[in-house]
């Protein structure tokens, strides 16, 4: 049932053209980071768009999922995302990817060091 819903959303232009699903390789930014970072998904959830695996709102593991965003403006050190026990906000609640809401380009994640991590490019090529 999930695959037909994803296909329908893709073919109709997503969600009114506003928000898209986020896949491996998406570019992120942190309000306290000096450079862009990348989202990764070491193990696929089994759902793909354009041959890239789709992430869900629980994909928040520092360095495994959430890449470094350069240097942290809060302490001047190399970015070490502190996102454990958080989830991305504003996922697609009615489309589940391995039991969690699908990650959308509008989603944000809070770093406990004070940054807000946003999706800049959804990763779909």
N, C-alpha and C. Protein backbone atom coordinates (compact mmCIF):
# COMPACT_ATOMS: atom_id res chain seq x y z
N UNK A 1 0.82 -1.19 0.00
CA UNK A 1 0.00 0.00 0.00
C UNK A 1 0.87 1.26 0.00
N UNK A 2 2.01 1.22 0.65
CA UNK A 2 2.88 2.38 0.72
C UNK A 2 3.44 2.75 -0.65
N UNK A 3 3.88 1.77 -1.41
CA UNK A 3 4.47 2.06 -2.71
C UNK A 3 3.50 2.76 -3.66
N UNK A 4 2.24 2.32 -3.76
CA UNK A 4 1.31 3.05 -4.63
C UNK A 4 1.10 4.50 -4.17
N UNK A 5 1.09 4.74 -2.85
CA UNK A 5 0.91 6.11 -2.35
C UNK A 5 2.12 6.96 -2.70
N UNK A 6 3.33 6.41 -2.56
CA UNK A 6 4.53 7.16 -2.92
C UNK A 6 4.54 7.47 -4.42
N UNK A 7 4.19 6.47 -5.22
CA UNK A 7 4.17 6.66 -6.68
C UNK A 7 3.16 7.74 -7.06
N UNK A 8 1.98 7.69 -6.46
CA UNK A 8 0.94 8.68 -6.76
C UNK A 8 1.42 10.08 -6.37
N UNK A 9 2.05 10.22 -5.22
CA UNK A 9 2.55 11.52 -4.77
C UNK A 9 3.62 12.04 -5.73
N UNK A 10 4.51 11.16 -6.17
CA UNK A 10 5.56 11.58 -7.10
C UNK A 10 4.98 12.01 -8.44
N UNK A 11 4.04 11.25 -8.95
CA UNK A 11 3.47 11.53 -10.26
C UNK A 11 2.62 12.80 -10.25
N UNK A 12 2.05 13.13 -9.10
CA UNK A 12 1.21 14.33 -9.02
C UNK A 12 2.00 15.56 -8.61
N UNK A 13 3.31 15.43 -8.50
CA UNK A 13 4.13 16.58 -8.13
C UNK A 13 4.33 16.70 -6.64
N UNK A 14 4.13 15.61 -5.93
CA UNK A 14 4.37 15.64 -4.48
C UNK A 14 3.18 16.17 -3.73
N UNK A 15 3.37 17.22 -2.98
CA UNK A 15 2.37 17.74 -2.06
C UNK A 15 2.00 19.15 -2.49
N UNK A 16 1.39 19.28 -3.63
CA UNK A 16 1.06 20.60 -4.13
C UNK A 16 2.31 21.38 -4.52
N UNK A 17 3.40 20.66 -4.78
CA UNK A 17 4.64 21.30 -5.19
C UNK A 17 5.43 21.92 -4.05
N UNK A 18 4.94 21.82 -2.82
CA UNK A 18 5.60 22.48 -1.71
C UNK A 18 6.71 21.64 -1.07
N UNK A 19 6.41 20.41 -0.72
CA UNK A 19 7.35 19.60 0.05
C UNK A 19 7.59 18.27 -0.65
N UNK A 20 8.81 17.77 -0.52
CA UNK A 20 9.18 16.52 -1.18
C UNK A 20 9.76 15.54 -0.17
N UNK A 21 9.79 14.27 -0.55
CA UNK A 21 10.42 13.26 0.29
C UNK A 21 11.93 13.45 0.26
N UNK A 22 12.57 13.14 1.38
CA UNK A 22 14.02 13.30 1.51
C UNK A 22 14.68 11.93 1.38
N UNK A 23 15.74 11.87 0.58
CA UNK A 23 16.45 10.62 0.33
C UNK A 23 17.93 10.75 0.72
N UNK A 24 18.60 9.61 0.76
CA UNK A 24 20.03 9.58 1.07
C UNK A 24 20.79 10.56 0.18
N UNK A 25 21.70 11.30 0.80
CA UNK A 25 22.49 12.28 0.06
C UNK A 25 21.94 13.69 0.12
N UNK A 26 20.81 13.87 0.82
CA UNK A 26 20.22 15.21 0.93
C UNK A 26 21.21 16.16 1.61
N UNK A 27 21.15 17.43 1.20
CA UNK A 27 22.01 18.45 1.81
C UNK A 27 21.27 19.11 2.97
N UNK A 28 21.97 19.27 4.08
CA UNK A 28 21.40 19.90 5.26
C UNK A 28 22.22 21.12 5.64
N UNK A 29 21.62 21.97 6.46
CA UNK A 29 22.36 23.09 7.05
C UNK A 29 21.96 23.19 8.51
N UNK A 30 22.86 23.72 9.31
CA UNK A 30 22.59 23.96 10.72
C UNK A 30 22.75 25.45 10.98
N UNK A 31 21.84 26.02 11.74
CA UNK A 31 21.91 27.45 12.03
C UNK A 31 23.18 27.82 12.79
N UNK A 32 23.84 26.83 13.40
CA UNK A 32 25.08 27.08 14.14
C UNK A 32 26.29 26.46 13.47
N UNK A 33 26.12 25.94 12.26
CA UNK A 33 27.22 25.31 11.53
C UNK A 33 27.83 26.24 10.50
N UNK A 34 29.09 26.01 10.18
CA UNK A 34 29.80 26.86 9.21
C UNK A 34 29.62 26.40 7.76
N UNK A 35 29.25 25.14 7.55
CA UNK A 35 29.17 24.58 6.20
C UNK A 35 27.97 23.65 6.09
N UNK A 36 27.55 23.35 4.86
CA UNK A 36 26.47 22.36 4.68
C UNK A 36 26.95 20.97 5.07
N UNK A 37 26.00 20.12 5.39
CA UNK A 37 26.27 18.72 5.69
C UNK A 37 25.43 17.83 4.80
N UNK A 38 25.51 16.54 5.04
CA UNK A 38 24.80 15.56 4.22
C UNK A 38 24.07 14.58 5.13
N UNK A 39 22.87 14.17 4.69
CA UNK A 39 22.14 13.11 5.36
C UNK A 39 22.52 11.77 4.74
N UNK A 40 22.70 10.77 5.58
CA UNK A 40 23.07 9.45 5.11
C UNK A 40 22.08 8.43 5.66
N UNK A 41 22.01 7.30 5.03
CA UNK A 41 21.18 6.19 5.49
C UNK A 41 21.96 4.91 5.25
N UNK A 42 22.77 4.49 6.24
CA UNK A 42 23.63 3.31 6.04
C UNK A 42 22.85 2.05 5.65
N UNK A 43 21.67 1.86 6.25
CA UNK A 43 20.83 0.71 5.92
C UNK A 43 19.49 1.21 5.42
N UNK A 44 19.13 0.83 4.21
CA UNK A 44 17.88 1.28 3.61
C UNK A 44 16.67 0.73 4.37
N UNK A 45 15.60 1.52 4.37
CA UNK A 45 14.32 1.06 4.92
C UNK A 45 13.54 0.28 3.88
N UNK A 46 14.05 0.18 2.66
CA UNK A 46 13.40 -0.60 1.61
C UNK A 46 12.50 0.19 0.68
N UNK A 47 12.39 1.50 0.89
CA UNK A 47 11.59 2.37 0.03
C UNK A 47 12.55 3.29 -0.72
N UNK A 48 12.38 3.37 -2.04
CA UNK A 48 13.31 4.13 -2.88
C UNK A 48 12.57 5.13 -3.76
N UNK A 49 13.21 6.26 -3.99
CA UNK A 49 12.78 7.24 -4.99
C UNK A 49 14.01 7.53 -5.84
N UNK A 50 13.87 7.36 -7.14
CA UNK A 50 14.99 7.60 -8.06
C UNK A 50 16.25 6.86 -7.61
N UNK A 51 16.06 5.61 -7.20
CA UNK A 51 17.13 4.70 -6.79
C UNK A 51 17.84 5.11 -5.50
N UNK A 52 17.28 6.06 -4.75
CA UNK A 52 17.86 6.47 -3.47
C UNK A 52 16.87 6.13 -2.36
N UNK A 53 17.36 5.60 -1.22
CA UNK A 53 16.45 5.23 -0.13
C UNK A 53 15.86 6.46 0.57
N UNK A 54 14.58 6.33 0.93
CA UNK A 54 13.83 7.38 1.62
C UNK A 54 14.12 7.30 3.12
N UNK A 55 14.32 8.46 3.75
CA UNK A 55 14.55 8.54 5.19
C UNK A 55 13.23 8.74 5.93
N UNK A 56 13.25 8.43 7.23
CA UNK A 56 12.09 8.73 8.07
C UNK A 56 12.50 9.68 9.20
N UNK A 57 11.52 10.12 9.99
CA UNK A 57 11.78 11.13 11.02
C UNK A 57 12.66 10.63 12.16
N UNK A 58 12.87 9.33 12.25
CA UNK A 58 13.72 8.77 13.31
C UNK A 58 15.17 8.61 12.87
N UNK A 59 15.49 8.99 11.65
CA UNK A 59 16.87 8.89 11.15
C UNK A 59 17.66 10.11 11.64
N UNK A 60 18.13 10.01 12.88
CA UNK A 60 18.76 11.16 13.56
C UNK A 60 20.11 10.82 14.18
N UNK A 61 20.66 9.66 13.90
CA UNK A 61 21.90 9.25 14.57
C UNK A 61 23.05 10.13 14.08
N UNK A 62 23.72 10.82 15.03
CA UNK A 62 24.83 11.70 14.66
C UNK A 62 25.91 10.94 13.89
N UNK A 63 26.36 11.54 12.82
CA UNK A 63 27.42 11.05 11.94
C UNK A 63 27.00 9.84 11.11
N UNK A 64 26.13 8.98 11.60
CA UNK A 64 25.61 7.88 10.79
C UNK A 64 24.53 8.39 9.84
N UNK A 65 23.58 9.18 10.38
CA UNK A 65 22.53 9.80 9.56
C UNK A 65 22.79 11.29 9.33
N UNK A 66 23.06 12.00 10.41
CA UNK A 66 23.22 13.46 10.35
C UNK A 66 24.71 13.78 10.29
N UNK A 67 25.14 14.25 9.12
CA UNK A 67 26.55 14.57 8.93
C UNK A 67 26.96 15.88 9.58
N UNK A 68 28.25 16.08 9.67
CA UNK A 68 28.79 17.32 10.23
C UNK A 68 28.46 18.52 9.34
N UNK A 69 28.26 19.65 9.98
CA UNK A 69 28.03 20.92 9.26
C UNK A 69 29.19 21.86 9.54
N UNK A 70 30.39 21.40 9.23
CA UNK A 70 31.59 22.23 9.40
C UNK A 70 31.98 22.38 10.86
N UNK A 71 32.12 23.63 11.28
CA UNK A 71 32.47 23.94 12.66
C UNK A 71 31.27 24.56 13.36
N UNK A 72 31.11 24.25 14.65
CA UNK A 72 29.99 24.74 15.44
C UNK A 72 30.28 26.16 15.94
N UNK A 73 29.36 27.07 15.69
CA UNK A 73 29.51 28.45 16.15
C UNK A 73 29.34 28.57 17.66
N UNK A 74 28.74 27.56 18.28
CA UNK A 74 28.50 27.60 19.72
C UNK A 74 29.79 27.41 20.51
N UNK A 75 30.67 26.53 20.03
CA UNK A 75 31.90 26.25 20.79
C UNK A 75 33.17 26.32 19.94
N UNK A 76 33.03 26.57 18.64
CA UNK A 76 34.19 26.69 17.75
C UNK A 76 34.84 25.38 17.36
N UNK A 77 34.31 24.28 17.87
CA UNK A 77 34.88 22.96 17.59
C UNK A 77 34.25 22.36 16.33
N UNK A 78 34.86 21.29 15.83
CA UNK A 78 34.30 20.54 14.72
C UNK A 78 32.88 20.12 15.09
N UNK A 79 31.95 20.29 14.17
CA UNK A 79 30.55 19.95 14.41
C UNK A 79 30.41 18.49 14.84
N UNK A 80 29.75 18.29 15.95
CA UNK A 80 29.38 16.96 16.44
C UNK A 80 27.89 17.02 16.74
N UNK A 81 27.04 16.71 15.76
CA UNK A 81 25.59 16.84 15.98
C UNK A 81 25.14 16.08 17.22
N UNK A 82 24.37 16.74 18.07
CA UNK A 82 23.83 16.12 19.28
C UNK A 82 22.32 16.00 19.09
N UNK A 83 21.92 14.98 18.37
CA UNK A 83 20.52 14.81 17.99
C UNK A 83 19.88 13.55 18.56
N UNK A 84 20.60 12.81 19.38
CA UNK A 84 20.02 11.60 19.98
C UNK A 84 18.74 11.95 20.73
N UNK A 85 17.78 11.05 20.69
CA UNK A 85 16.51 11.15 21.41
C UNK A 85 15.59 12.23 20.84
N UNK A 86 15.96 12.86 19.75
CA UNK A 86 15.08 13.79 19.04
C UNK A 86 14.56 13.10 17.80
N UNK A 87 13.57 13.70 17.17
CA UNK A 87 13.09 13.26 15.85
C UNK A 87 12.91 14.50 14.99
N UNK A 88 13.00 14.30 13.68
CA UNK A 88 12.71 15.38 12.74
C UNK A 88 11.25 15.79 12.91
N UNK A 89 10.96 17.07 12.80
CA UNK A 89 9.59 17.58 12.89
C UNK A 89 8.92 17.51 11.52
N UNK A 90 7.61 17.59 11.52
CA UNK A 90 6.80 17.76 10.32
C UNK A 90 7.02 16.72 9.23
N UNK A 91 7.10 15.46 9.63
CA UNK A 91 7.17 14.39 8.64
C UNK A 91 5.81 14.15 8.02
N UNK A 92 5.76 13.27 7.05
CA UNK A 92 4.51 12.92 6.37
C UNK A 92 3.87 11.79 7.17
N UNK A 93 2.99 12.15 8.11
CA UNK A 93 2.44 11.21 9.09
C UNK A 93 1.62 10.08 8.46
N UNK A 94 1.01 10.32 7.31
CA UNK A 94 0.19 9.27 6.70
C UNK A 94 0.95 8.40 5.71
N UNK A 95 2.27 8.61 5.61
CA UNK A 95 3.13 7.74 4.81
C UNK A 95 4.24 7.24 5.73
N UNK A 96 4.15 5.98 6.11
CA UNK A 96 5.12 5.41 7.04
C UNK A 96 6.24 4.70 6.30
N UNK A 97 7.44 4.94 6.77
CA UNK A 97 8.64 4.27 6.26
C UNK A 97 9.22 3.51 7.44
N UNK A 98 9.05 2.21 7.41
CA UNK A 98 9.47 1.34 8.51
C UNK A 98 8.90 1.82 9.85
N UNK A 99 7.59 2.11 9.85
CA UNK A 99 6.88 2.45 11.07
C UNK A 99 6.98 3.89 11.54
N UNK A 100 7.71 4.73 10.84
CA UNK A 100 7.86 6.15 11.20
C UNK A 100 7.44 7.01 10.01
N UNK A 101 7.01 8.24 10.30
CA UNK A 101 6.61 9.17 9.25
C UNK A 101 7.77 9.41 8.28
N UNK A 102 7.44 9.50 7.00
CA UNK A 102 8.46 9.79 5.98
C UNK A 102 9.01 11.20 6.21
N UNK A 103 10.30 11.36 5.97
CA UNK A 103 10.96 12.66 6.14
C UNK A 103 10.65 13.55 4.94
N UNK A 104 10.30 14.80 5.21
CA UNK A 104 9.96 15.76 4.16
C UNK A 104 10.96 16.91 4.14
N UNK A 105 10.99 17.60 3.01
CA UNK A 105 11.92 18.71 2.84
C UNK A 105 11.63 19.88 3.78
N UNK A 106 10.46 19.93 4.38
CA UNK A 106 10.13 20.99 5.35
C UNK A 106 10.57 20.64 6.77
N UNK A 107 11.00 19.42 6.99
CA UNK A 107 11.33 18.94 8.34
C UNK A 107 12.53 19.66 8.92
N UNK A 108 12.54 19.75 10.25
CA UNK A 108 13.66 20.35 10.98
C UNK A 108 14.02 19.44 12.15
N UNK A 109 15.27 19.55 12.59
CA UNK A 109 15.78 18.75 13.70
C UNK A 109 16.55 19.67 14.63
N UNK A 110 16.33 19.51 15.92
CA UNK A 110 17.00 20.34 16.92
C UNK A 110 18.27 19.64 17.39
N UNK A 111 19.37 20.38 17.37
CA UNK A 111 20.63 19.91 17.96
C UNK A 111 20.68 20.45 19.38
N UNK A 112 21.04 19.63 20.32
CA UNK A 112 21.07 20.06 21.72
C UNK A 112 22.12 21.11 22.02
N UNK A 113 22.99 21.35 21.05
CA UNK A 113 24.00 22.41 21.24
C UNK A 113 23.44 23.78 20.86
N UNK A 114 22.20 23.81 20.35
CA UNK A 114 21.56 25.08 20.05
C UNK A 114 21.24 25.33 18.60
N UNK A 115 21.58 24.42 17.73
CA UNK A 115 21.33 24.62 16.30
C UNK A 115 20.00 24.04 15.84
N UNK A 116 19.52 24.58 14.73
CA UNK A 116 18.35 24.05 14.06
C UNK A 116 18.82 23.53 12.70
N UNK A 117 18.62 22.24 12.48
CA UNK A 117 19.08 21.59 11.25
C UNK A 117 17.92 21.53 10.28
N UNK A 118 18.16 22.00 9.06
CA UNK A 118 17.12 22.05 8.03
C UNK A 118 17.58 21.30 6.79
N UNK A 119 16.61 20.86 6.00
CA UNK A 119 16.87 20.22 4.72
C UNK A 119 16.99 21.33 3.67
N UNK A 120 18.10 21.41 2.99
CA UNK A 120 18.29 22.41 1.94
C UNK A 120 17.99 21.84 0.56
N UNK A 121 18.41 20.61 0.30
CA UNK A 121 18.18 19.92 -0.97
C UNK A 121 17.75 18.50 -0.63
N UNK A 122 16.63 18.04 -1.18
CA UNK A 122 16.05 16.75 -0.78
C UNK A 122 16.86 15.52 -1.19
N UNK A 123 17.85 15.67 -2.05
CA UNK A 123 18.69 14.55 -2.45
C UNK A 123 18.22 13.84 -3.71
N UNK A 124 17.00 14.14 -4.16
CA UNK A 124 16.50 13.52 -5.39
C UNK A 124 17.20 14.17 -6.58
N UNK A 125 17.83 13.34 -7.40
CA UNK A 125 18.55 13.86 -8.56
C UNK A 125 17.69 13.86 -9.80
